[in-house]
Amino acid sequence: MASFRDFLDILKDDLHELGKQELKEHADALVKDGQDFVKEVEEDLKKWTQQLTAREMSDAGFKMAVVGKAELVKMKAITQIGLTEIHIDKLKQRVLDTVVATATKTFLP
């Protein structure tokens, strides 16, 4: 069974791939912002991923819980690049989607 550490490692790789797709040379900024979000909600993520693994929480419930923390996605590194607010908002949503997708593929068979 995967550990929370495994999840964090896979998530870092997935965020880097997202960053390469969306921002090319600024991929590391997206990874930093995504990891900062995960640190901010780490205790919640640990609890939710345990519930997800034990099937005490559905994948839809997990997604709602993660999206409920959207205001904590700060995107400080991305903001410094000079992107429009609309693009930053889209990237925030993509980060949240990536967290959910990574947890699902890591913890659900």
PDB file of N, CA and C in Angstrom:
ATOM      1  N   MET A   1       0.843  -1.168   0.000  1.00  0.00           N
ATOM      2  CA  MET A   1       0.000   0.000   0.000  1.00  0.00           C
ATOM      3  C   MET A   1       0.900   1.246   0.000  1.00  0.00           C
ATOM      4  N   ALA A   2       0.465   2.253  -0.697  1.00  0.00           N
ATOM      5  CA  ALA A   2       1.229   3.502  -0.807  1.00  0.00           C
ATOM      6  C   ALA A   2       1.169   4.279   0.506  1.00  0.00           C
ATOM      7  N   SER A   3       2.236   4.990   0.779  1.00  0.00           N
ATOM      8  CA  SER A   3       2.295   5.843   1.967  1.00  0.00           C
ATOM      9  C   SER A   3       2.015   7.296   1.575  1.00  0.00           C
ATOM     10  N   PHE A   4       1.826   8.120   2.571  1.00  0.00           N
ATOM     11  CA  PHE A   4       1.624   9.541   2.311  1.00  0.00           C
ATOM     12  C   PHE A   4       2.870  10.129   1.670  1.00  0.00           C
ATOM     13  N   ARG A   5       4.032   9.659   2.071  1.00  0.00           N
ATOM     14  CA  ARG A   5       5.295  10.116   1.465  1.00  0.00           C
ATOM     15  C   ARG A   5       5.332   9.778  -0.032  1.00  0.00           C
ATOM     16  N   ASP A   6       4.866   8.571  -0.366  1.00  0.00           N
ATOM     17  CA  ASP A   6       4.773   8.188  -1.785  1.00  0.00           C
ATOM     18  C   ASP A   6       3.881   9.172  -2.535  1.00  0.00           C
ATOM     19  N   PHE A   7       2.756   9.486  -1.940  1.00  0.00           N
ATOM     20  CA  PHE A   7       1.826  10.449  -2.534  1.00  0.00           C
ATOM     21  C   PHE A   7       2.520  11.784  -2.791  1.00  0.00           C
ATOM     22  N   LEU A   8       3.256  12.284  -1.800  1.00  0.00           N
ATOM     23  CA  LEU A   8       3.940  13.573  -1.964  1.00  0.00           C
ATOM     24  C   LEU A   8       4.977  13.519  -3.081  1.00  0.00           C
ATOM     25  N   ASP A   9       5.702  12.410  -3.178  1.00  0.00           N
ATOM     26  CA  ASP A   9       6.707  12.262  -4.240  1.00  0.00           C
ATOM     27  C   ASP A   9       6.055  12.227  -5.620  1.00  0.00           C
ATOM     28  N   ILE A  10       4.985  11.465  -5.740  1.00  0.00           N
ATOM     29  CA  ILE A  10       4.280  11.373  -7.020  1.00  0.00           C
ATOM     30  C   ILE A  10       3.661  12.722  -7.368  1.00  0.00           C
ATOM     31  N   LEU A  11       3.100  13.392  -6.374  1.00  0.00           N
ATOM     32  CA  LEU A  11       2.483  14.697  -6.601  1.00  0.00           C
ATOM     33  C   LEU A  11       3.502  15.709  -7.106  1.00  0.00           C
ATOM     34  N   LYS A  12       4.694  15.692  -6.550  1.00  0.00           N
ATOM     35  CA  LYS A  12       5.734  16.612  -7.018  1.00  0.00           C
ATOM     36  C   LYS A  12       6.016  16.377  -8.500  1.00  0.00           C
ATOM     37  N   ASP A  13       6.127  15.113  -8.884  1.00  0.00           N
ATOM     38  CA  ASP A  13       6.355  14.783 -10.297  1.00  0.00           C
ATOM     39  C   ASP A  13       5.180  15.229 -11.168  1.00  0.00           C
ATOM     40  N   ASP A  14       3.959  14.988 -10.677  1.00  0.00           N
ATOM     41  CA  ASP A  14       2.772  15.369 -11.444  1.00  0.00           C
ATOM     42  C   ASP A  14       2.656  16.886 -11.585  1.00  0.00           C
ATOM     43  N   LEU A  15       2.995  17.605 -10.525  1.00  0.00           N
ATOM     44  CA  LEU A  15       2.975  19.078 -10.603  1.00  0.00           C
ATOM     45  C   LEU A  15       4.039  19.579 -11.573  1.00  0.00           C
ATOM     46  N   HIS A  16       5.186  18.916 -11.582  1.00  0.00           N
ATOM     47  CA  HIS A  16       6.241  19.313 -12.525  1.00  0.00           C
ATOM     48  C   HIS A  16       5.778  19.095 -13.967  1.00  0.00           C
ATOM     49  N   GLU A  17       5.108  17.993 -14.221  1.00  0.00           N
ATOM     50  CA  GLU A  17       4.580  17.733 -15.563  1.00  0.00           C
ATOM     51  C   GLU A  17       3.542  18.789 -15.939  1.00  0.00           C
ATOM     52  N   LEU A  18       2.666  19.114 -15.011  1.00  0.00           N
ATOM     53  CA  LEU A  18       1.679  20.166 -15.252  1.00  0.00           C
ATOM     54  C   LEU A  18       2.374  21.485 -15.543  1.00  0.00           C
ATOM     55  N   GLY A  19       3.379  21.798 -14.763  1.00  0.00           N
ATOM     56  CA  GLY A  19       4.130  23.032 -14.975  1.00  0.00           C
ATOM     57  C   GLY A  19       4.792  23.079 -16.346  1.00  0.00           C
ATOM     58  N   LYS A  20       5.359  21.962 -16.777  1.00  0.00           N
ATOM     59  CA  LYS A  20       5.988  21.917 -18.105  1.00  0.00           C
ATOM     60  C   LYS A  20       4.950  22.125 -19.206  1.00  0.00           C
ATOM     61  N   GLN A  21       3.769  21.560 -19.021  1.00  0.00           N
ATOM     62  CA  GLN A  21       2.711  21.717 -20.018  1.00  0.00           C
ATOM     63  C   GLN A  21       2.195  23.153 -20.074  1.00  0.00           C
ATOM     64  N   GLU A  22       2.021  23.750 -18.912  1.00  0.00           N
ATOM     65  CA  GLU A  22       1.371  25.053 -18.823  1.00  0.00           C
ATOM     66  C   GLU A  22       2.332  26.237 -18.899  1.00  0.00           C
ATOM     67  N   LEU A  23       3.523  26.083 -18.319  1.00  0.00           N
ATOM     68  CA  LEU A  23       4.404  27.235 -18.144  1.00  0.00           C
ATOM     69  C   LEU A  23       5.800  27.048 -18.713  1.00  0.00           C
ATOM     70  N   LYS A  24       6.066  25.903 -19.292  1.00  0.00           N
ATOM     71  CA  LYS A  24       7.368  25.616 -19.897  1.00  0.00           C
ATOM     72  C   LYS A  24       8.529  25.898 -18.936  1.00  0.00           C
ATOM     73  N   GLU A  25       9.240  26.994 -19.163  1.00  0.00           N
ATOM     74  CA  GLU A  25      10.444  27.292 -18.376  1.00  0.00           C
ATOM     75  C   GLU A  25      10.147  27.716 -16.938  1.00  0.00           C
ATOM     76  N   HIS A  26       8.884  27.944 -16.613  1.00  0.00           N
ATOM     77  CA  HIS A  26       8.524  28.340 -15.252  1.00  0.00           C
ATOM     78  C   HIS A  26       7.869  27.196 -14.477  1.00  0.00           C
ATOM     79  N   ALA A  27       8.123  25.974 -14.891  1.00  0.00           N
ATOM     80  CA  ALA A  27       7.509  24.808 -14.256  1.00  0.00           C
ATOM     81  C   ALA A  27       7.813  24.752 -12.762  1.00  0.00           C
ATOM     82  N   ASP A  28       9.022  25.125 -12.377  1.00  0.00           N
ATOM     83  CA  ASP A  28       9.400  25.066 -10.958  1.00  0.00           C
ATOM     84  C   ASP A  28       8.551  25.989 -10.098  1.00  0.00           C
ATOM     85  N   ALA A  29       8.079  27.093 -10.657  1.00  0.00           N
ATOM     86  CA  ALA A  29       7.218  28.007  -9.905  1.00  0.00           C
ATOM     87  C   ALA A  29       5.896  27.321  -9.565  1.00  0.00           C
ATOM     88  N   LEU A  30       5.358  26.582 -10.503  1.00  0.00           N
ATOM     89  CA  LEU A  30       4.105  25.875 -10.260  1.00  0.00           C
ATOM     90  C   LEU A  30       4.310  24.777  -9.220  1.00  0.00           C
ATOM     91  N   VAL A  31       5.421  24.064  -9.306  1.00  0.00           N
ATOM     92  CA  VAL A  31       5.728  23.029  -8.323  1.00  0.00           C
ATOM     93  C   VAL A  31       5.829  23.654  -6.934  1.00  0.00           C
ATOM     94  N   LYS A  32       6.514  24.766  -6.809  1.00  0.00           N
ATOM     95  CA  LYS A  32       6.661  25.430  -5.511  1.00  0.00           C
ATOM     96  C   LYS A  32       5.306  25.831  -4.948  1.00  0.00           C
ATOM     97  N   ASP A  33       4.485  26.463  -5.769  1.00  0.00           N
ATOM     98  CA  ASP A  33       3.168  26.889  -5.288  1.00  0.00           C
ATOM     99  C   ASP A  33       2.308  25.688  -4.903  1.00  0.00           C
ATOM    100  N   GLY A  34       2.378  24.629  -5.685  1.00  0.00           N
ATOM    101  CA  GLY A  34       1.618  23.423  -5.355  1.00  0.00           C
ATOM    102  C   GLY A  34       2.090  22.785  -4.060  1.00  0.00           C
ATOM    103  N   GLN A  35       3.390  22.726  -3.875  1.00  0.00           N
ATOM    104  CA  GLN A  35       3.927  22.149  -2.642  1.00  0.00           C
ATOM    105  C   GLN A  35       3.623  23.033  -1.433  1.00  0.00           C
ATOM    106  N   ASP A  36       3.631  24.342  -1.622  1.00  0.00           N
ATOM    107  CA  ASP A  36       3.265  25.243  -0.527  1.00  0.00           C
ATOM    108  C   ASP A  36       1.818  24.999  -0.096  1.00  0.00           C
ATOM    109  N   PHE A  37       0.935  24.785  -1.070  1.00  0.00           N
ATOM    110  CA  PHE A  37      -0.463  24.479  -0.753  1.00  0.00           C
ATOM    111  C   PHE A  37      -0.555  23.175   0.030  1.00  0.00           C
ATOM    112  N   VAL A  38       0.158  22.158  -0.424  1.00  0.00           N
ATOM    113  CA  VAL A  38       0.117  20.861   0.248  1.00  0.00           C
ATOM    114  C   VAL A  38       0.629  20.985   1.686  1.00  0.00           C
ATOM    115  N   LYS A  39       1.680  21.756   1.900  1.00  0.00           N
ATOM    116  CA  LYS A  39       2.179  21.968   3.263  1.00  0.00           C
ATOM    117  C   LYS A  39       1.122  22.643   4.128  1.00  0.00           C
ATOM    118  N   GLU A  40       0.407  23.585   3.541  1.00  0.00           N
ATOM    119  CA  GLU A  40      -0.624  24.329   4.267  1.00  0.00           C
ATOM    120  C   GLU A  40      -1.757  23.410   4.740  1.00  0.00           C
ATOM    121  N   VAL A  41      -2.095  22.419   3.934  1.00  0.00           N
ATOM    122  CA  VAL A  41      -3.228  21.540   4.245  1.00  0.00           C
ATOM    123  C   VAL A  41      -2.778  20.098   4.523  1.00  0.00           C
ATOM    124  N   GLU A  42      -1.519  19.908   4.858  1.00  0.00           N
ATOM    125  CA  GLU A  42      -0.958  18.563   4.998  1.00  0.00           C
ATOM    126  C   GLU A  42      -1.719  17.687   5.990  1.00  0.00           C
ATOM    127  N   GLU A  43      -2.042  18.212   7.139  1.00  0.00           N
ATOM    128  CA  GLU A  43      -2.746  17.403   8.139  1.00  0.00           C
ATOM    129  C   GLU A  43      -4.114  16.966   7.621  1.00  0.00           C
ATOM    130  N   ASP A  44      -4.820  17.874   6.971  1.00  0.00           N
ATOM    131  CA  ASP A  44      -6.106  17.512   6.371  1.00  0.00           C
ATOM    132  C   ASP A  44      -5.917  16.457   5.290  1.00  0.00           C
ATOM    133  N   LEU A  45      -4.913  16.639   4.428  1.00  0.00           N
ATOM    134  CA  LEU A  45      -4.663  15.673   3.361  1.00  0.00           C
ATOM    135  C   LEU A  45      -4.332  14.288   3.914  1.00  0.00           C
ATOM    136  N   LYS A  46      -3.565  14.236   4.990  1.00  0.00           N
ATOM    137  CA  LYS A  46      -3.254  12.941   5.607  1.00  0.00           C
ATOM    138  C   LYS A  46      -4.533  12.245   6.057  1.00  0.00           C
ATOM    139  N   LYS A  47      -5.384  12.997   6.744  1.00  0.00           N
ATOM    140  CA  LYS A  47      -6.635  12.440   7.236  1.00  0.00           C
ATOM    141  C   LYS A  47      -7.526  12.007   6.068  1.00  0.00           C
ATOM    142  N   TRP A  48      -7.664  12.877   5.068  1.00  0.00           N
ATOM    143  CA  TRP A  48      -8.547  12.567   3.939  1.00  0.00           C
ATOM    144  C   TRP A  48      -8.045  11.390   3.114  1.00  0.00           C
ATOM    145  N   THR A  49      -6.719  11.310   2.914  1.00  0.00           N
ATOM    146  CA  THR A  49      -6.206  10.192   2.126  1.00  0.00           C
ATOM    147  C   THR A  49      -6.361   8.872   2.884  1.00  0.00           C
ATOM    148  N   GLN A  50      -6.258   8.915   4.206  1.00  0.00           N
ATOM    149  CA  GLN A  50      -6.520   7.709   4.996  1.00  0.00           C
ATOM    150  C   GLN A  50      -7.976   7.293   4.850  1.00  0.00           C
ATOM    151  N   GLN A  51      -8.868   8.282   4.899  1.00  0.00           N
ATOM    152  CA  GLN A  51     -10.297   7.989   4.737  1.00  0.00           C
ATOM    153  C   GLN A  51     -10.589   7.483   3.321  1.00  0.00           C
ATOM    154  N   LEU A  52      -9.918   8.049   2.347  1.00  0.00           N
ATOM    155  CA  LEU A  52     -10.077   7.617   0.968  1.00  0.00           C
ATOM    156  C   LEU A  52      -9.627   6.175   0.806  1.00  0.00           C
ATOM    157  N   THR A  53      -8.480   5.844   1.361  1.00  0.00           N
ATOM    158  CA  THR A  53      -7.938   4.491   1.280  1.00  0.00           C
ATOM    159  C   THR A  53      -8.861   3.481   1.968  1.00  0.00           C
ATOM    160  N   ALA A  54      -9.409   3.872   3.108  1.00  0.00           N
ATOM    161  CA  ALA A  54     -10.294   2.987   3.870  1.00  0.00           C
ATOM    162  C   ALA A  54     -11.719   2.973   3.319  1.00  0.00           C
ATOM    163  N   ARG A  55     -11.939   3.745   2.264  1.00  0.00           N
ATOM    164  CA  ARG A  55     -13.265   3.885   1.642  1.00  0.00           C
ATOM    165  C   ARG A  55     -14.285   4.492   2.605  1.00  0.00           C
ATOM    166  N   GLU A  56     -13.778   5.289   3.569  1.00  0.00           N
ATOM    167  CA  GLU A  56     -14.655   6.038   4.458  1.00  0.00           C
ATOM    168  C   GLU A  56     -15.053   7.364   3.822  1.00  0.00           C
ATOM    169  N   MET A  57     -14.365   7.702   2.733  1.00  0.00           N
ATOM    170  CA  MET A  57     -14.649   8.914   1.963  1.00  0.00           C
ATOM    171  C   MET A  57     -14.620   8.521   0.495  1.00  0.00           C
ATOM    172  N   SER A  58     -15.598   8.989  -0.248  1.00  0.00           N
ATOM    173  CA  SER A  58     -15.620   8.708  -1.685  1.00  0.00           C
ATOM    174  C   SER A  58     -14.614   9.598  -2.396  1.00  0.00           C
ATOM    175  N   ASP A  59     -14.277   9.246  -3.631  1.00  0.00           N
ATOM    176  CA  ASP A  59     -13.380  10.112  -4.380  1.00  0.00           C
ATOM    177  C   ASP A  59     -14.041  11.458  -4.652  1.00  0.00           C
ATOM    178  N   ALA A  60     -15.369  11.489  -4.807  1.00  0.00           N
ATOM    179  CA  ALA A  60     -16.074  12.772  -4.975  1.00  0.00           C
ATOM    180  C   ALA A  60     -16.012  13.597  -3.691  1.00  0.00           C
ATOM    181  N   GLY A  61     -16.129  12.938  -2.552  1.00  0.00           N
ATOM    182  CA  GLY A  61     -16.019  13.628  -1.270  1.00  0.00           C
ATOM    183  C   GLY A  61     -14.619  14.172  -1.057  1.00  0.00           C
ATOM    184  N   PHE A  62     -13.624  13.398  -1.471  1.00  0.00           N
ATOM    185  CA  PHE A  62     -12.240  13.848  -1.371  1.00  0.00           C
ATOM    186  C   PHE A  62     -12.033  15.099  -2.221  1.00  0.00           C
ATOM    187  N   LYS A  63     -12.552  15.059  -3.445  1.00  0.00           N
ATOM    188  CA  LYS A  63     -12.408  16.215  -4.324  1.00  0.00           C
ATOM    189  C   LYS A  63     -13.075  17.446  -3.718  1.00  0.00           C
ATOM    190  N   MET A  64     -14.267  17.280  -3.166  1.00  0.00           N
ATOM    191  CA  MET A  64     -14.951  18.427  -2.542  1.00  0.00           C
ATOM    192  C   MET A  64     -14.142  18.975  -1.371  1.00  0.00           C
ATOM    193  N   ALA A  65     -13.539  18.094  -0.593  1.00  0.00           N
ATOM    194  CA  ALA A  65     -12.741  18.533   0.547  1.00  0.00           C
ATOM    195  C   ALA A  65     -11.523  19.333   0.088  1.00  0.00           C
ATOM    196  N   VAL A  66     -10.838  18.838  -0.937  1.00  0.00           N
ATOM    197  CA  VAL A  66      -9.648  19.534  -1.454  1.00  0.00           C
ATOM    198  C   VAL A  66     -10.043  20.870  -2.068  1.00  0.00           C
ATOM    199  N   VAL A  67     -11.070  20.869  -2.900  1.00  0.00           N
ATOM    200  CA  VAL A  67     -11.514  22.105  -3.546  1.00  0.00           C
ATOM    201  C   VAL A  67     -11.989  23.114  -2.499  1.00  0.00           C
ATOM    202  N   GLY A  68     -12.495  22.621  -1.384  1.00  0.00           N
ATOM    203  CA  GLY A  68     -12.919  23.499  -0.295  1.00  0.00           C
ATOM    204  C   GLY A  68     -11.768  24.291   0.315  1.00  0.00           C
ATOM    205  N   LYS A  69     -10.563  23.860   0.069  1.00  0.00           N
ATOM    206  CA  LYS A  69      -9.367  24.557   0.578  1.00  0.00           C
ATOM    207  C   LYS A  69      -8.737  25.454  -0.491  1.00  0.00           C
ATOM    208  N   ALA A  70      -9.458  25.716  -1.561  1.00  0.00           N
ATOM    209  CA  ALA A  70      -8.920  26.470  -2.700  1.00  0.00           C
ATOM    210  C   ALA A  70      -8.378  27.839  -2.316  1.00  0.00           C
ATOM    211  N   GLU A  71      -8.986  28.459  -1.322  1.00  0.00           N
ATOM    212  CA  GLU A  71      -8.517  29.791  -0.936  1.00  0.00           C
ATOM    213  C   GLU A  71      -7.108  29.766  -0.362  1.00  0.00           C
ATOM    214  N   LEU A  72      -6.617  28.593  -0.009  1.00  0.00           N
ATOM    215  CA  LEU A  72      -5.265  28.469   0.533  1.00  0.00           C
ATOM    216  C   LEU A  72      -4.203  28.310  -0.547  1.00  0.00           C
ATOM    217  N   VAL A  73      -4.623  28.192  -1.797  1.00  0.00           N
ATOM    218  CA  VAL A  73      -3.664  28.124  -2.912  1.00  0.00           C
ATOM    219  C   VAL A  73      -3.239  29.555  -3.209  1.00  0.00           C
ATOM    220  N   LYS A  74      -2.048  29.909  -2.818  1.00  0.00           N
ATOM    221  CA  LYS A  74      -1.592  31.305  -2.901  1.00  0.00           C
ATOM    222  C   LYS A  74      -0.974  31.695  -4.239  1.00  0.00           C
ATOM    223  N   MET A  75      -0.306  30.775  -4.905  1.00  0.00           N
ATOM    224  CA  MET A  75       0.304  31.022  -6.212  1.00  0.00           C
ATOM    225  C   MET A  75       1.263  32.221  -6.187  1.00  0.00           C
ATOM    226  N   LYS A  76       2.042  32.340  -5.133  1.00  0.00           N
ATOM    227  CA  LYS A  76       2.987  33.459  -5.013  1.00  0.00           C
ATOM    228  C   LYS A  76       4.069  33.419  -6.095  1.00  0.00           C
ATOM    229  N   ALA A  77       4.644  32.254  -6.324  1.00  0.00           N
ATOM    230  CA  ALA A  77       5.713  32.153  -7.327  1.00  0.00           C
ATOM    231  C   ALA A  77       5.167  32.413  -8.723  1.00  0.00           C
ATOM    232  N   ILE A  78       3.978  31.921  -9.006  1.00  0.00           N
ATOM    233  CA  ILE A  78       3.358  32.135 -10.313  1.00  0.00           C
ATOM    234  C   ILE A  78       3.028  33.609 -10.527  1.00  0.00           C
ATOM    235  N   THR A  79       2.558  34.271  -9.500  1.00  0.00           N
ATOM    236  CA  THR A  79       2.199  35.693  -9.605  1.00  0.00           C
ATOM    237  C   THR A  79       3.401  36.526 -10.030  1.00  0.00           C
ATOM    238  N   GLN A  80       4.576  36.159  -9.575  1.00  0.00           N
ATOM    239  CA  GLN A  80       5.786  36.913  -9.905  1.00  0.00           C
ATOM    240  C   GLN A  80       6.165  36.803 -11.383  1.00  0.00           C
ATOM    241  N   ILE A  81       5.625  35.814 -12.077  1.00  0.00           N
ATOM    242  CA  ILE A  81       5.915  35.643 -13.496  1.00  0.00           C
ATOM    243  C   ILE A  81       5.194  36.704 -14.321  1.00  0.00           C
ATOM    244  N   GLY A  82       4.083  37.217 -13.799  1.00  0.00           N
ATOM    245  CA  GLY A  82       3.350  38.258 -14.510  1.00  0.00           C
ATOM    246  C   GLY A  82       2.186  37.750 -15.342  1.00  0.00           C
ATOM    247  N   LEU A  83       1.613  36.623 -14.958  1.00  0.00           N
ATOM    248  CA  LEU A  83       0.466  36.086 -15.676  1.00  0.00           C
ATOM    249  C   LEU A  83      -0.803  36.870 -15.326  1.00  0.00           C
ATOM    250  N   THR A  84      -1.790  36.765 -16.192  1.00  0.00           N
ATOM    251  CA  THR A  84      -3.064  37.428 -15.908  1.00  0.00           C
ATOM    252  C   THR A  84      -3.774  36.706 -14.764  1.00  0.00           C
ATOM    253  N   GLU A  85      -4.667  37.398 -14.108  1.00  0.00           N
ATOM    254  CA  GLU A  85      -5.421  36.816 -12.998  1.00  0.00           C
ATOM    255  C   GLU A  85      -6.252  35.622 -13.468  1.00  0.00           C
ATOM    256  N   ILE A  86      -6.776  35.711 -14.666  1.00  0.00           N
ATOM    257  CA  ILE A  86      -7.569  34.603 -15.213  1.00  0.00           C
ATOM    258  C   ILE A  86      -6.698  33.356 -15.378  1.00  0.00           C
ATOM    259  N   HIS A  87      -5.505  33.532 -15.905  1.00  0.00           N
ATOM    260  CA  HIS A  87      -4.588  32.401 -16.089  1.00  0.00           C
ATOM    261  C   HIS A  87      -4.183  31.822 -14.733  1.00  0.00           C
ATOM    262  N   ILE A  88      -3.930  32.674 -13.763  1.00  0.00           N
ATOM    263  CA  ILE A  88      -3.567  32.207 -12.422  1.00  0.00           C
ATOM    264  C   ILE A  88      -4.710  31.409 -11.812  1.00  0.00           C
ATOM    265  N   ASP A  89      -5.955  31.883 -11.963  1.00  0.00           N
ATOM    266  CA  ASP A  89      -7.110  31.151 -11.437  1.00  0.00           C
ATOM    267  C   ASP A  89      -7.244  29.781 -12.088  1.00  0.00           C
ATOM    268  N   LYS A  90      -7.002  29.703 -13.383  1.00  0.00           N
ATOM    269  CA  LYS A  90      -7.050  28.415 -14.083  1.00  0.00           C
ATOM    270  C   LYS A  90      -5.963  27.480 -13.561  1.00  0.00           C
ATOM    271  N   LEU A  91      -4.780  28.025 -13.309  1.00  0.00           N
ATOM    272  CA  LEU A  91      -3.689  27.206 -12.780  1.00  0.00           C
ATOM    273  C   LEU A  91      -4.008  26.720 -11.370  1.00  0.00           C
ATOM    274  N   LYS A  92      -4.643  27.558 -10.559  1.00  0.00           N
ATOM    275  CA  LYS A  92      -5.058  27.127  -9.217  1.00  0.00           C
ATOM    276  C   LYS A  92      -5.957  25.905  -9.322  1.00  0.00           C
ATOM    277  N   GLN A  93      -6.917  25.978 -10.230  1.00  0.00           N
ATOM    278  CA  GLN A  93      -7.839  24.856 -10.399  1.00  0.00           C
ATOM    279  C   GLN A  93      -7.099  23.616 -10.890  1.00  0.00           C
ATOM    280  N   ARG A  94      -6.150  23.798 -11.782  1.00  0.00           N
ATOM    281  CA  ARG A  94      -5.367  22.656 -12.286  1.00  0.00           C
ATOM    282  C   ARG A  94      -4.522  22.033 -11.171  1.00  0.00           C
ATOM    283  N   VAL A  95      -4.002  22.870 -10.250  1.00  0.00           N
ATOM    284  CA  VAL A  95      -3.249  22.338  -9.106  1.00  0.00           C
ATOM    285  C   VAL A  95      -4.173  21.490  -8.234  1.00  0.00           C
ATOM    286  N   LEU A  96      -5.352  22.004  -7.934  1.00  0.00           N
ATOM    287  CA  LEU A  96      -6.308  21.247  -7.125  1.00  0.00           C
ATOM    288  C   LEU A  96      -6.691  19.941  -7.818  1.00  0.00           C
ATOM    289  N   ASP A  97      -6.944  20.001  -9.117  1.00  0.00           N
ATOM    290  CA  ASP A  97      -7.278  18.798  -9.879  1.00  0.00           C
ATOM    291  C   ASP A  97      -6.135  17.791  -9.837  1.00  0.00           C
ATOM    292  N   THR A  98      -4.912  18.278  -9.890  1.00  0.00           N
ATOM    293  CA  THR A  98      -3.746  17.397  -9.854  1.00  0.00           C
ATOM    294  C   THR A  98      -3.615  16.723  -8.496  1.00  0.00           C
ATOM    295  N   VAL A  99      -3.856  17.466  -7.420  1.00  0.00           N
ATOM    296  CA  VAL A  99      -3.816  16.874  -6.078  1.00  0.00           C
ATOM    297  C   VAL A  99      -4.836  15.739  -5.987  1.00  0.00           C
ATOM    298  N   VAL A 100      -6.042  15.989  -6.458  1.00  0.00           N
ATOM    299  CA  VAL A 100      -7.099  14.981  -6.405  1.00  0.00           C
ATOM    300  C   VAL A 100      -6.741  13.773  -7.274  1.00  0.00           C
ATOM    301  N   ALA A 101      -6.310  14.013  -8.495  1.00  0.00           N
ATOM    302  CA  ALA A 101      -5.967  12.911  -9.405  1.00  0.00           C
ATOM    303  C   ALA A 101      -4.820  12.079  -8.876  1.00  0.00           C
ATOM    304  N   THR A 102      -3.830  12.740  -8.303  1.00  0.00           N
ATOM    305  CA  THR A 102      -2.673  12.013  -7.763  1.00  0.00           C
ATOM    306  C   THR A 102      -3.073  11.169  -6.568  1.00  0.00           C
ATOM    307  N   ALA A 103      -3.900  11.718  -5.692  1.00  0.00           N
ATOM    308  CA  ALA A 103      -4.358  10.935  -4.526  1.00  0.00           C
ATOM    309  C   ALA A 103      -5.166   9.740  -4.980  1.00  0.00           C
ATOM    310  N   THR A 104      -6.029   9.935  -5.949  1.00  0.00           N
ATOM    311  CA  THR A 104      -6.862   8.834  -6.434  1.00  0.00           C
ATOM    312  C   THR A 104      -6.019   7.722  -7.034  1.00  0.00           C
ATOM    313  N   LYS A 105      -5.056   8.082  -7.875  1.00  0.00           N
ATOM    314  CA  LYS A 105      -4.235   7.026  -8.497  1.00  0.00           C
ATOM    315  C   LYS A 105      -3.255   6.401  -7.506  1.00  0.00           C
ATOM    316  N   THR A 106      -2.895   7.136  -6.447  1.00  0.00           N
ATOM    317  CA  THR A 106      -1.959   6.612  -5.462  1.00  0.00           C
ATOM    318  C   THR A 106      -2.640   5.700  -4.440  1.00  0.00           C
ATOM    319  N   PHE A 107      -3.836   6.082  -4.002  1.00  0.00           N
ATOM    320  CA  PHE A 107      -4.461   5.376  -2.887  1.00  0.00           C
ATOM    321  C   PHE A 107      -5.625   4.452  -3.270  1.00  0.00           C
ATOM    322  N   LEU A 108      -6.165   4.608  -4.463  1.00  0.00           N
ATOM    323  CA  LEU A 108      -7.274   3.735  -4.862  1.00  0.00           C
ATOM    324  C   LEU A 108      -6.804   2.748  -5.918  1.00  0.00           C
ATOM    325  N   PRO A 109      -7.164   1.492  -5.760  1.00  0.00           N
ATOM    326  CA  PRO A 109      -6.750   0.472  -6.739  1.00  0.00           C
ATOM    327  C   PRO A 109      -7.451   0.646  -8.067  1.00  0.00           C
TER     328      PRO A 109
END
